Amino acid sequence: MTQPAFPRRGLLALLAVMLPGLGPPAAAQVTVSVREPLLLQVGERRLQLRVGAESISGSGLQLRRVPDGLRGTFKGQPVDLKWNGDGDITGRAAGASVELTAVSRAPQPGLTLRGWFGADPAELTLTPMAIAGSVGGCSYSLPMAGNRYSGWRTCDVTRGPPVPVTLRIPEDAVPLGLAEEGALLALLLSDEALPPASSPGETPGVGGSGTPSP
């Protein structure tokens, strides 16, 4: 069966337009500079990414944006992801095999990712109002709150109790295609991109009991 052409304009581009009007009046006090990074915070752990026209970079993450793919290194390990016009995303990232399909939610904005990230099944839905589902062995429930996604992540008991999660996308985010956006967010939410759960003086598995900072 012939599928419609996969949209190249991603949800981040739509959010860049919508975010200033989504939040309550208090959200107007939050200013986002031209160089504001994408911020992911899981419990006490933070990752900031710069999304540019040619590259995506952050702590331990250096990716080149190439036609229909992302290539580079991730914590010293190679990343080689590619996708096709049907939204199929394949390759390897930090030692994990990736087999995902990004399905557009048209006519509504957003996408659903289904498939595998390493040994773990993935099914993750992204819309302007929420991110929900699982990837990398963890489940997410992140409704939009003000100018960010904010909620909780639950993993198996060996990885500690549920922790609060915040994902803030800058208003001036560089637009990504839907497949590229799905590949990047699956990579980030897989937990591989984050720094270690504990630092010297902390008890492993206890981090993240507080409220994420803005």
N, C-alpha and C. Protein backbone atom coordinates (compact mmCIF):
# COMPACT_ATOMS: atom_id res chain seq x y z
N MET A 1 0.85 -1.19 0.00
CA MET A 1 0.00 0.00 0.00
C MET A 1 0.89 1.24 0.00
N THR A 2 0.60 2.18 -0.87
CA THR A 2 1.39 3.39 -0.96
C THR A 2 1.12 4.30 0.21
N GLN A 3 2.18 4.76 0.85
CA GLN A 3 2.05 5.66 1.98
C GLN A 3 2.26 7.09 1.53
N PRO A 4 1.62 8.06 2.18
CA PRO A 4 1.87 9.45 1.83
C PRO A 4 3.31 9.83 2.15
N ALA A 5 3.82 10.82 1.44
CA ALA A 5 5.18 11.28 1.67
C ALA A 5 5.35 11.67 3.13
N PHE A 6 6.45 11.22 3.72
CA PHE A 6 6.68 11.48 5.14
C PHE A 6 7.02 12.95 5.33
N PRO A 7 6.35 13.65 6.24
CA PRO A 7 6.60 15.08 6.43
C PRO A 7 8.03 15.33 6.90
N ARG A 8 8.66 16.38 6.38
CA ARG A 8 10.02 16.71 6.76
C ARG A 8 10.05 17.76 7.86
N ARG A 9 8.95 18.47 8.05
CA ARG A 9 8.93 19.52 9.06
C ARG A 9 8.53 18.91 10.40
N GLY A 10 9.39 19.02 11.38
CA GLY A 10 9.17 18.33 12.64
C GLY A 10 8.37 19.11 13.65
N LEU A 11 8.11 18.47 14.79
CA LEU A 11 7.33 19.07 15.86
C LEU A 11 8.06 20.23 16.51
N LEU A 12 9.40 20.17 16.56
CA LEU A 12 10.15 21.26 17.18
C LEU A 12 9.89 22.58 16.48
N ALA A 13 9.77 22.55 15.16
CA ALA A 13 9.49 23.78 14.44
C ALA A 13 8.12 24.33 14.82
N LEU A 14 7.14 23.44 14.97
CA LEU A 14 5.81 23.88 15.38
C LEU A 14 5.83 24.43 16.80
N LEU A 15 6.55 23.75 17.69
CA LEU A 15 6.62 24.21 19.08
C LEU A 15 7.28 25.58 19.18
N ALA A 16 8.27 25.84 18.32
CA ALA A 16 8.93 27.13 18.35
C ALA A 16 7.94 28.26 18.09
N VAL A 17 6.90 27.96 17.31
CA VAL A 17 5.86 28.96 17.03
C VAL A 17 4.82 28.99 18.14
N MET A 18 4.47 27.81 18.70
CA MET A 18 3.36 27.70 19.63
C MET A 18 3.73 28.02 21.07
N LEU A 19 4.96 27.72 21.49
CA LEU A 19 5.31 27.81 22.91
C LEU A 19 5.02 29.15 23.54
N PRO A 20 5.32 30.29 22.89
CA PRO A 20 5.06 31.56 23.57
C PRO A 20 3.61 31.76 23.95
N GLY A 21 2.67 31.08 23.26
CA GLY A 21 1.26 31.27 23.58
C GLY A 21 0.63 30.17 24.37
N LEU A 22 1.39 29.11 24.70
CA LEU A 22 0.80 27.96 25.38
C LEU A 22 0.66 28.15 26.88
N GLY A 23 1.57 28.87 27.49
CA GLY A 23 1.62 28.92 28.94
C GLY A 23 0.72 29.98 29.52
N PRO A 24 0.56 29.96 30.86
CA PRO A 24 -0.19 30.99 31.57
C PRO A 24 0.59 32.29 31.53
N PRO A 25 -0.02 33.42 31.98
CA PRO A 25 0.68 34.71 31.94
C PRO A 25 2.04 34.68 32.60
N ALA A 26 2.19 33.91 33.69
CA ALA A 26 3.49 33.87 34.38
C ALA A 26 4.60 33.38 33.47
N ALA A 27 4.25 32.55 32.47
CA ALA A 27 5.27 32.02 31.58
C ALA A 27 5.92 33.12 30.76
N ALA A 28 5.27 34.25 30.61
CA ALA A 28 5.84 35.36 29.85
C ALA A 28 7.09 35.90 30.53
N GLN A 29 7.29 35.58 31.80
CA GLN A 29 8.47 36.04 32.52
C GLN A 29 9.70 35.22 32.16
N VAL A 30 9.49 34.09 31.48
CA VAL A 30 10.61 33.24 31.09
C VAL A 30 11.12 33.71 29.75
N THR A 31 12.36 34.16 29.69
CA THR A 31 12.92 34.63 28.44
C THR A 31 13.87 33.57 27.90
N VAL A 32 13.90 33.43 26.60
CA VAL A 32 14.76 32.46 25.94
C VAL A 32 15.64 33.20 24.95
N SER A 33 16.93 33.19 25.18
CA SER A 33 17.83 33.91 24.30
C SER A 33 18.04 33.16 23.01
N VAL A 34 18.66 33.81 22.05
CA VAL A 34 18.92 33.19 20.75
C VAL A 34 19.79 31.95 20.91
N ARG A 35 20.66 31.95 21.93
CA ARG A 35 21.58 30.83 22.12
C ARG A 35 21.11 29.87 23.21
N GLU A 36 19.87 29.96 23.60
CA GLU A 36 19.34 29.06 24.64
C GLU A 36 19.39 27.62 24.15
N PRO A 37 19.95 26.70 24.96
CA PRO A 37 20.03 25.31 24.53
C PRO A 37 18.74 24.54 24.82
N LEU A 38 18.61 23.41 24.18
CA LEU A 38 17.59 22.44 24.57
C LEU A 38 18.05 21.84 25.90
N LEU A 39 17.15 21.76 26.86
CA LEU A 39 17.50 21.26 28.20
C LEU A 39 16.69 20.02 28.53
N LEU A 40 17.37 18.96 28.92
CA LEU A 40 16.74 17.76 29.46
C LEU A 40 17.24 17.59 30.88
N GLN A 41 16.32 17.51 31.85
CA GLN A 41 16.70 17.26 33.23
C GLN A 41 15.91 16.06 33.74
N VAL A 42 16.64 15.08 34.24
CA VAL A 42 16.06 13.86 34.81
C VAL A 42 16.56 13.76 36.24
N GLY A 43 15.68 14.03 37.20
CA GLY A 43 16.12 14.07 38.59
C GLY A 43 17.17 15.15 38.77
N GLU A 44 18.34 14.78 39.29
CA GLU A 44 19.43 15.72 39.50
C GLU A 44 20.33 15.87 38.28
N ARG A 45 20.08 15.11 37.26
CA ARG A 45 20.97 15.08 36.11
C ARG A 45 20.46 16.01 35.00
N ARG A 46 21.39 16.71 34.37
CA ARG A 46 21.03 17.69 33.35
C ARG A 46 21.86 17.47 32.09
N LEU A 47 21.24 17.68 30.95
CA LEU A 47 21.93 17.65 29.68
C LEU A 47 21.45 18.84 28.86
N GLN A 48 22.38 19.63 28.36
CA GLN A 48 22.05 20.75 27.49
C GLN A 48 22.62 20.49 26.10
N LEU A 49 21.81 20.74 25.09
CA LEU A 49 22.22 20.51 23.71
C LEU A 49 22.09 21.78 22.90
N ARG A 50 23.05 22.00 22.04
CA ARG A 50 22.97 23.06 21.04
C ARG A 50 22.59 22.41 19.72
N VAL A 51 21.45 22.80 19.19
CA VAL A 51 20.97 22.26 17.92
C VAL A 51 21.21 23.31 16.85
N GLY A 52 22.19 23.06 15.98
CA GLY A 52 22.54 24.00 14.93
C GLY A 52 22.14 23.49 13.57
N ALA A 53 22.39 24.31 12.57
CA ALA A 53 22.02 23.95 11.20
C ALA A 53 22.82 22.76 10.69
N GLU A 54 24.04 22.56 11.21
CA GLU A 54 24.90 21.49 10.71
C GLU A 54 25.28 20.47 11.77
N SER A 55 25.03 20.78 13.03
CA SER A 55 25.48 19.87 14.08
C SER A 55 24.57 19.94 15.30
N ILE A 56 24.68 18.92 16.15
CA ILE A 56 24.01 18.86 17.44
C ILE A 56 25.08 18.48 18.44
N SER A 57 25.27 19.29 19.47
CA SER A 57 26.37 19.03 20.40
C SER A 57 25.95 19.28 21.84
N GLY A 58 26.58 18.54 22.74
CA GLY A 58 26.35 18.68 24.17
C GLY A 58 27.39 17.86 24.89
N SER A 59 27.26 17.72 26.19
CA SER A 59 28.22 16.96 26.97
C SER A 59 28.28 15.51 26.50
N GLY A 60 29.44 15.12 25.93
CA GLY A 60 29.61 13.75 25.47
C GLY A 60 28.92 13.43 24.16
N LEU A 61 28.30 14.42 23.52
CA LEU A 61 27.52 14.18 22.31
C LEU A 61 27.96 15.14 21.22
N GLN A 62 28.44 14.60 20.11
CA GLN A 62 28.83 15.40 18.96
C GLN A 62 28.29 14.73 17.70
N LEU A 63 27.26 15.34 17.11
CA LEU A 63 26.62 14.75 15.94
C LEU A 63 26.66 15.72 14.78
N ARG A 64 26.89 15.18 13.59
CA ARG A 64 26.76 15.95 12.37
C ARG A 64 25.42 15.63 11.73
N ARG A 65 24.72 16.67 11.30
CA ARG A 65 23.47 16.48 10.58
C ARG A 65 23.81 16.32 9.10
N VAL A 66 23.56 15.15 8.56
CA VAL A 66 23.80 14.87 7.16
C VAL A 66 22.46 14.56 6.51
N PRO A 67 22.39 14.60 5.18
CA PRO A 67 21.12 14.28 4.54
C PRO A 67 20.59 12.91 4.97
N ASP A 68 19.41 12.90 5.57
CA ASP A 68 18.76 11.67 6.01
C ASP A 68 19.58 10.88 7.02
N GLY A 69 20.26 11.58 7.95
CA GLY A 69 21.00 10.84 8.95
C GLY A 69 21.67 11.72 9.99
N LEU A 70 22.17 11.07 11.06
CA LEU A 70 22.98 11.68 12.09
C LEU A 70 24.23 10.82 12.28
N ARG A 71 25.39 11.46 12.28
CA ARG A 71 26.64 10.73 12.45
C ARG A 71 27.53 11.47 13.42
N GLY A 72 28.29 10.71 14.20
CA GLY A 72 29.21 11.35 15.12
C GLY A 72 29.58 10.41 16.24
N THR A 73 29.74 10.98 17.43
CA THR A 73 30.13 10.19 18.60
C THR A 73 29.25 10.53 19.78
N PHE A 74 29.11 9.55 20.64
CA PHE A 74 28.23 9.65 21.79
C PHE A 74 28.94 8.95 22.94
N LYS A 75 29.49 9.73 23.90
CA LYS A 75 30.29 9.17 24.99
C LYS A 75 31.43 8.31 24.46
N GLY A 76 32.07 8.80 23.39
CA GLY A 76 33.22 8.13 22.83
C GLY A 76 32.90 6.97 21.91
N GLN A 77 31.63 6.66 21.72
CA GLN A 77 31.23 5.57 20.83
C GLN A 77 30.54 6.13 19.59
N PRO A 78 30.65 5.42 18.47
CA PRO A 78 30.11 5.96 17.23
C PRO A 78 28.58 5.97 17.18
N VAL A 79 28.06 6.95 16.48
CA VAL A 79 26.63 7.04 16.17
C VAL A 79 26.50 7.09 14.66
N ASP A 80 25.69 6.23 14.12
CA ASP A 80 25.42 6.23 12.69
C ASP A 80 23.95 5.86 12.49
N LEU A 81 23.11 6.86 12.40
CA LEU A 81 21.67 6.66 12.22
C LEU A 81 21.25 7.22 10.87
N LYS A 82 20.34 6.52 10.22
CA LYS A 82 19.82 7.01 8.95
C LYS A 82 18.33 6.71 8.88
N TRP A 83 17.64 7.43 8.03
CA TRP A 83 16.20 7.22 7.85
C TRP A 83 15.82 7.40 6.41
N ASN A 84 14.63 6.89 6.06
CA ASN A 84 14.15 7.01 4.69
C ASN A 84 12.85 7.81 4.66
N GLY A 85 12.29 7.95 3.48
CA GLY A 85 11.08 8.75 3.31
C GLY A 85 9.85 8.19 3.98
N ASP A 86 9.89 6.91 4.39
CA ASP A 86 8.76 6.30 5.10
C ASP A 86 8.88 6.44 6.61
N GLY A 87 9.96 7.08 7.09
CA GLY A 87 10.13 7.26 8.52
C GLY A 87 10.83 6.13 9.23
N ASP A 88 11.43 5.17 8.49
CA ASP A 88 12.17 4.08 9.11
C ASP A 88 13.55 4.57 9.53
N ILE A 89 13.89 4.40 10.82
CA ILE A 89 15.16 4.87 11.38
C ILE A 89 15.98 3.64 11.78
N THR A 90 17.17 3.51 11.23
CA THR A 90 18.00 2.33 11.51
C THR A 90 19.44 2.76 11.76
N GLY A 91 20.19 1.86 12.39
CA GLY A 91 21.61 2.11 12.61
C GLY A 91 22.02 1.72 14.01
N ARG A 92 23.08 2.39 14.49
CA ARG A 92 23.59 2.10 15.81
C ARG A 92 23.89 3.41 16.54
N ALA A 93 23.73 3.39 17.86
CA ALA A 93 24.01 4.56 18.68
C ALA A 93 24.61 4.09 19.99
N ALA A 94 25.85 4.47 20.24
CA ALA A 94 26.52 4.13 21.50
C ALA A 94 26.46 2.64 21.81
N GLY A 95 26.68 1.82 20.81
CA GLY A 95 26.70 0.38 21.01
C GLY A 95 25.36 -0.30 20.93
N ALA A 96 24.28 0.45 20.80
CA ALA A 96 22.93 -0.14 20.72
C ALA A 96 22.43 -0.10 19.29
N SER A 97 21.82 -1.20 18.86
CA SER A 97 21.18 -1.20 17.55
C SER A 97 19.85 -0.45 17.64
N VAL A 98 19.50 0.25 16.57
CA VAL A 98 18.28 1.05 16.54
C VAL A 98 17.44 0.64 15.35
N GLU A 99 16.21 0.26 15.61
CA GLU A 99 15.24 -0.06 14.56
C GLU A 99 13.91 0.56 14.97
N LEU A 100 13.65 1.74 14.47
CA LEU A 100 12.44 2.49 14.82
C LEU A 100 11.71 2.93 13.56
N THR A 101 10.42 3.14 13.71
CA THR A 101 9.63 3.75 12.65
C THR A 101 8.90 4.95 13.24
N ALA A 102 9.08 6.10 12.62
CA ALA A 102 8.38 7.32 13.03
C ALA A 102 7.14 7.47 12.17
N VAL A 103 5.97 7.46 12.80
CA VAL A 103 4.70 7.55 12.09
C VAL A 103 4.07 8.91 12.37
N SER A 104 3.81 9.66 11.33
CA SER A 104 3.18 10.97 11.50
C SER A 104 1.77 10.81 12.03
N ARG A 105 1.33 11.74 12.89
CA ARG A 105 -0.02 11.73 13.42
C ARG A 105 -0.96 12.61 12.59
N ALA A 106 -0.55 12.98 11.39
CA ALA A 106 -1.35 13.84 10.52
C ALA A 106 -2.77 13.30 10.39
N PRO A 107 -3.77 14.20 10.38
CA PRO A 107 -3.65 15.65 10.24
C PRO A 107 -3.30 16.38 11.53
N GLN A 108 -3.23 15.69 12.67
CA GLN A 108 -2.82 16.34 13.91
C GLN A 108 -1.29 16.43 13.95
N PRO A 109 -0.70 17.44 14.61
CA PRO A 109 0.75 17.53 14.71
C PRO A 109 1.30 16.47 15.65
N GLY A 110 2.51 16.04 15.36
CA GLY A 110 3.17 15.08 16.23
C GLY A 110 3.56 13.80 15.52
N LEU A 111 4.13 12.88 16.29
CA LEU A 111 4.57 11.61 15.72
C LEU A 111 4.54 10.53 16.79
N THR A 112 4.53 9.29 16.33
CA THR A 112 4.66 8.13 17.21
C THR A 112 5.85 7.31 16.75
N LEU A 113 6.74 6.97 17.66
CA LEU A 113 7.88 6.11 17.39
C LEU A 113 7.58 4.70 17.87
N ARG A 114 7.83 3.72 17.02
CA ARG A 114 7.65 2.33 17.41
C ARG A 114 8.84 1.52 16.93
N GLY A 115 9.24 0.52 17.72
CA GLY A 115 10.32 -0.36 17.30
C GLY A 115 11.19 -0.76 18.47
N TRP A 116 12.51 -0.72 18.24
CA TRP A 116 13.46 -1.18 19.24
C TRP A 116 14.62 -0.21 19.36
N PHE A 117 15.04 0.05 20.61
CA PHE A 117 16.28 0.77 20.87
C PHE A 117 17.13 -0.16 21.72
N GLY A 118 18.15 -0.75 21.11
CA GLY A 118 18.90 -1.79 21.80
C GLY A 118 18.01 -2.99 22.05
N ALA A 119 18.06 -3.52 23.27
CA ALA A 119 17.26 -4.70 23.61
C ALA A 119 15.86 -4.35 24.09
N ASP A 120 15.53 -3.05 24.15
CA ASP A 120 14.26 -2.63 24.73
C ASP A 120 13.27 -2.17 23.65
N PRO A 121 12.01 -2.62 23.75
CA PRO A 121 10.99 -2.12 22.83
C PRO A 121 10.72 -0.64 23.10
N ALA A 122 10.31 0.06 22.07
CA ALA A 122 10.03 1.49 22.19
C ALA A 122 8.69 1.80 21.55
N GLU A 123 7.89 2.60 22.24
CA GLU A 123 6.68 3.19 21.67
C GLU A 123 6.47 4.53 22.38
N LEU A 124 6.75 5.59 21.66
CA LEU A 124 6.79 6.92 22.24
C LEU A 124 6.00 7.87 21.35
N THR A 125 5.06 8.60 21.94
CA THR A 125 4.25 9.56 21.19
C THR A 125 4.60 10.98 21.61
N LEU A 126 4.83 11.83 20.62
CA LEU A 126 5.17 13.23 20.86
C LEU A 126 4.14 14.12 20.18
N THR A 127 3.54 15.00 20.95
CA THR A 127 2.60 15.98 20.43
C THR A 127 2.92 17.33 21.08
N PRO A 128 2.31 18.42 20.59
CA PRO A 128 2.54 19.70 21.26
C PRO A 128 2.05 19.74 22.70
N MET A 129 1.21 18.78 23.11
CA MET A 129 0.63 18.79 24.45
C MET A 129 1.27 17.80 25.41
N ALA A 130 2.00 16.79 24.89
CA ALA A 130 2.56 15.77 25.80
C ALA A 130 3.55 14.87 25.09
N ILE A 131 4.42 14.26 25.88
CA ILE A 131 5.26 13.15 25.45
C ILE A 131 4.93 11.98 26.35
N ALA A 132 4.59 10.85 25.78
CA ALA A 132 4.18 9.70 26.59
C ALA A 132 4.61 8.41 25.90
N GLY A 133 4.98 7.43 26.73
CA GLY A 133 5.36 6.13 26.19
C GLY A 133 6.66 5.65 26.79
N SER A 134 7.33 4.74 26.10
CA SER A 134 8.55 4.14 26.65
C SER A 134 9.63 4.05 25.59
N VAL A 135 10.88 4.15 26.06
CA VAL A 135 12.06 3.96 25.22
C VAL A 135 13.23 3.67 26.15
N GLY A 136 14.12 2.80 25.72
CA GLY A 136 15.30 2.51 26.53
C GLY A 136 14.99 1.89 27.88
N GLY A 137 13.87 1.20 28.01
CA GLY A 137 13.54 0.54 29.26
C GLY A 137 12.89 1.42 30.30
N CYS A 138 12.54 2.67 29.93
CA CYS A 138 11.87 3.57 30.87
C CYS A 138 10.60 4.13 30.24
N SER A 139 9.60 4.39 31.09
CA SER A 139 8.33 4.96 30.63
C SER A 139 8.25 6.42 31.03
N TYR A 140 7.68 7.24 30.15
CA TYR A 140 7.59 8.67 30.37
C TYR A 140 6.13 9.13 30.32
N SER A 141 5.80 10.08 31.18
CA SER A 141 4.52 10.80 31.13
C SER A 141 4.84 12.27 31.35
N LEU A 142 4.91 13.03 30.24
CA LEU A 142 5.38 14.41 30.28
C LEU A 142 4.38 15.34 29.61
N PRO A 143 3.36 15.79 30.33
CA PRO A 143 2.45 16.77 29.75
C PRO A 143 3.15 18.13 29.59
N MET A 144 2.67 18.92 28.63
CA MET A 144 3.20 20.26 28.47
C MET A 144 2.73 21.12 29.64
N ALA A 145 3.66 21.84 30.26
CA ALA A 145 3.34 22.71 31.38
C ALA A 145 4.09 24.02 31.17
N GLY A 146 3.37 25.09 30.88
CA GLY A 146 4.02 26.35 30.59
C GLY A 146 4.78 26.27 29.28
N ASN A 147 6.10 26.41 29.34
CA ASN A 147 6.90 26.37 28.12
C ASN A 147 7.80 25.15 28.05
N ARG A 148 7.38 24.07 28.72
CA ARG A 148 8.21 22.87 28.74
C ARG A 148 7.35 21.63 28.99
N TYR A 149 7.91 20.48 28.63
CA TYR A 149 7.31 19.21 29.03
C TYR A 149 7.80 18.90 30.44
N SER A 150 6.89 18.51 31.31
CA SER A 150 7.28 18.27 32.70
C SER A 150 6.43 17.15 33.29
N GLY A 151 7.09 16.15 33.84
CA GLY A 151 6.34 15.02 34.41
C GLY A 151 7.29 14.04 35.08
N TRP A 152 7.08 12.74 34.78
CA TRP A 152 7.80 11.70 35.50
C TRP A 152 8.31 10.61 34.57
N ARG A 153 9.38 9.98 35.02
CA ARG A 153 9.93 8.80 34.35
C ARG A 153 9.95 7.65 35.33
N THR A 154 9.53 6.47 34.87
CA THR A 154 9.53 5.26 35.69
C THR A 154 10.30 4.17 34.97
N CYS A 155 11.30 3.61 35.64
CA CYS A 155 12.09 2.52 35.09
C CYS A 155 11.95 1.29 35.98
N ASP A 156 12.67 0.22 35.65
CA ASP A 156 12.60 -0.95 36.51
C ASP A 156 13.27 -0.64 37.85
N VAL A 157 13.00 -1.47 38.85
CA VAL A 157 13.41 -1.17 40.23
C VAL A 157 14.92 -1.09 40.38
N THR A 158 15.67 -1.73 39.51
CA THR A 158 17.13 -1.71 39.64
C THR A 158 17.69 -0.34 39.29
N ARG A 159 16.88 0.51 38.66
CA ARG A 159 17.35 1.84 38.26
C ARG A 159 16.75 2.94 39.13
N GLY A 160 16.20 2.54 40.27
CA GLY A 160 15.74 3.52 41.23
C GLY A 160 14.27 3.86 41.10
N PRO A 161 13.76 4.72 42.00
CA PRO A 161 12.35 5.10 42.01
C PRO A 161 12.03 6.06 40.88
N PRO A 162 10.74 6.34 40.65
CA PRO A 162 10.37 7.35 39.65
C PRO A 162 11.04 8.68 39.94
N VAL A 163 11.42 9.38 38.88
CA VAL A 163 12.08 10.68 39.04
C VAL A 163 11.37 11.72 38.17
N PRO A 164 11.41 12.99 38.59
CA PRO A 164 10.83 14.05 37.78
C PRO A 164 11.68 14.34 36.55
N VAL A 165 11.01 14.71 35.48
CA VAL A 165 11.69 14.98 34.21
C VAL A 165 11.19 16.30 33.64
N THR A 166 12.11 17.09 33.11
CA THR A 166 11.77 18.31 32.39
C THR A 166 12.49 18.31 31.05
N LEU A 167 11.76 18.62 30.00
CA LEU A 167 12.35 18.82 28.67
C LEU A 167 11.92 20.18 28.18
N ARG A 168 12.90 21.09 28.04
CA ARG A 168 12.60 22.44 27.59
C ARG A 168 13.19 22.66 26.20
N ILE A 169 12.34 23.03 25.27
CA ILE A 169 12.75 23.26 23.89
C ILE A 169 12.75 24.76 23.65
N PRO A 170 13.87 25.34 23.24
CA PRO A 170 13.92 26.79 23.06
C PRO A 170 12.99 27.27 21.95
N GLU A 171 12.51 28.50 22.10
CA GLU A 171 11.59 29.06 21.12
C GLU A 171 12.23 29.20 19.74
N ASP A 172 13.56 29.35 19.71
CA ASP A 172 14.25 29.55 18.44
C ASP A 172 14.93 28.25 17.96
N ALA A 173 14.37 27.11 18.34
CA ALA A 173 14.97 25.83 17.97
C ALA A 173 15.08 25.70 16.46
N VAL A 174 16.20 25.15 16.02
CA VAL A 174 16.38 24.88 14.59
C VAL A 174 15.41 23.77 14.19
N PRO A 175 14.62 23.98 13.13
CA PRO A 175 13.65 22.95 12.75
C PRO A 175 14.32 21.64 12.36
N LEU A 176 13.75 20.53 12.82
CA LEU A 176 14.19 19.20 12.44
C LEU A 176 13.05 18.50 11.71
N GLY A 177 13.40 17.62 10.79
CA GLY A 177 12.38 16.78 10.19
C GLY A 177 11.84 15.80 11.22
N LEU A 178 10.68 15.23 10.96
CA LEU A 178 10.05 14.36 11.94
C LEU A 178 10.93 13.14 12.27
N ALA A 179 11.52 12.52 11.24
CA ALA A 179 12.35 11.35 11.52
C ALA A 179 13.60 11.73 12.30
N GLU A 180 14.22 12.85 11.95
CA GLU A 180 15.41 13.30 12.67
C GLU A 180 15.07 13.64 14.12
N GLU A 181 13.95 14.30 14.29
CA GLU A 181 13.49 14.65 15.64
C GLU A 181 13.22 13.39 16.47
N GLY A 182 12.56 12.41 15.86
CA GLY A 182 12.29 11.16 16.57
C GLY A 182 13.56 10.44 16.96
N ALA A 183 14.54 10.41 16.04
CA ALA A 183 15.81 9.75 16.33
C ALA A 183 16.54 10.44 17.48
N LEU A 184 16.55 11.77 17.47
CA LEU A 184 17.26 12.51 18.51
C LEU A 184 16.60 12.33 19.87
N LEU A 185 15.28 12.45 19.94
CA LEU A 185 14.60 12.33 21.23
C LEU A 185 14.66 10.90 21.77
N ALA A 186 14.60 9.91 20.88
CA ALA A 186 14.76 8.53 21.34
C ALA A 186 16.14 8.34 21.95
N LEU A 187 17.14 8.93 21.32
CA LEU A 187 18.51 8.85 21.84
C LEU A 187 18.61 9.49 23.22
N LEU A 188 18.04 10.68 23.37
CA LEU A 188 18.12 11.39 24.65
C LEU A 188 17.34 10.68 25.75
N LEU A 189 16.11 10.27 25.45
CA LEU A 189 15.26 9.67 26.47
C LEU A 189 15.64 8.22 26.77
N SER A 190 16.54 7.66 25.98
CA SER A 190 16.99 6.29 26.27
C SER A 190 17.84 6.23 27.53
N ASP A 191 18.24 7.38 28.07
CA ASP A 191 19.04 7.49 29.30
C ASP A 191 20.53 7.42 29.02
N GLU A 192 20.92 7.03 27.81
CA GLU A 192 22.34 6.91 27.52
C GLU A 192 23.02 8.27 27.48
N ALA A 193 22.27 9.32 27.12
CA ALA A 193 22.88 10.63 26.95
C ALA A 193 23.18 11.33 28.26
N LEU A 194 22.52 10.92 29.34
CA LEU A 194 22.63 11.63 30.60
C LEU A 194 23.92 11.29 31.33
N PRO A 195 24.41 12.22 32.17
CA PRO A 195 25.56 11.90 33.01
C PRO A 195 25.19 10.84 34.03
N PRO A 196 26.17 10.27 34.74
CA PRO A 196 25.88 9.22 35.72
C PRO A 196 24.86 9.69 36.75
N ALA A 197 24.12 8.72 37.29
CA ALA A 197 23.03 9.03 38.21
C ALA A 197 23.52 9.63 39.52
N SER A 198 24.74 9.34 39.91
CA SER A 198 25.24 9.86 41.18
C SER A 198 26.63 10.45 40.99
N SER A 199 26.97 11.38 41.85
CA SER A 199 28.29 11.98 41.85
C SER A 199 28.91 11.73 43.21
N PRO A 200 30.20 12.02 43.38
CA PRO A 200 30.84 11.74 44.68
C PRO A 200 30.05 12.35 45.84
N GLY A 201 29.80 11.53 46.85
CA GLY A 201 29.06 11.99 48.02
C GLY A 201 27.59 11.69 47.96
N GLU A 202 27.09 11.24 46.78
CA GLU A 202 25.68 10.91 46.65
C GLU A 202 25.50 9.40 46.77
N THR A 203 24.31 8.99 47.12
CA THR A 203 23.98 7.57 47.19
C THR A 203 23.35 7.14 45.89
N PRO A 204 23.91 6.16 45.17
CA PRO A 204 23.32 5.71 43.91
C PRO A 204 21.86 5.34 44.09
N GLY A 205 21.05 5.75 43.11
CA GLY A 205 19.64 5.39 43.12
C GLY A 205 18.80 6.35 43.90
N VAL A 206 19.42 7.31 44.63
CA VAL A 206 18.62 8.23 45.44
C VAL A 206 18.44 9.57 44.72
N GLY A 207 19.33 9.88 43.78
CA GLY A 207 19.24 11.15 43.08
C GLY A 207 17.90 11.32 42.42
N GLY A 208 17.49 12.61 42.25
CA GLY A 208 16.24 12.88 41.55
C GLY A 208 15.05 13.00 42.44
N SER A 209 15.23 13.09 43.76
CA SER A 209 14.07 13.16 44.64
C SER A 209 13.49 14.55 44.72
N GLY A 210 14.23 15.53 44.21
CA GLY A 210 13.76 16.90 44.28
C GLY A 210 12.97 17.31 43.06
N THR A 211 12.63 18.59 42.99
CA THR A 211 11.90 19.13 41.86
C THR A 211 12.89 19.66 40.84
N PRO A 212 12.70 19.37 39.53
CA PRO A 212 13.64 19.86 38.53
C PRO A 212 13.70 21.37 38.57
N SER A 213 14.90 21.91 38.44
CA SER A 213 15.04 23.35 38.38
C SER A 213 14.65 23.85 37.02
N PRO A 214 14.27 25.15 36.89
CA PRO A 214 13.83 25.64 35.59
C PRO A 214 14.93 25.59 34.57
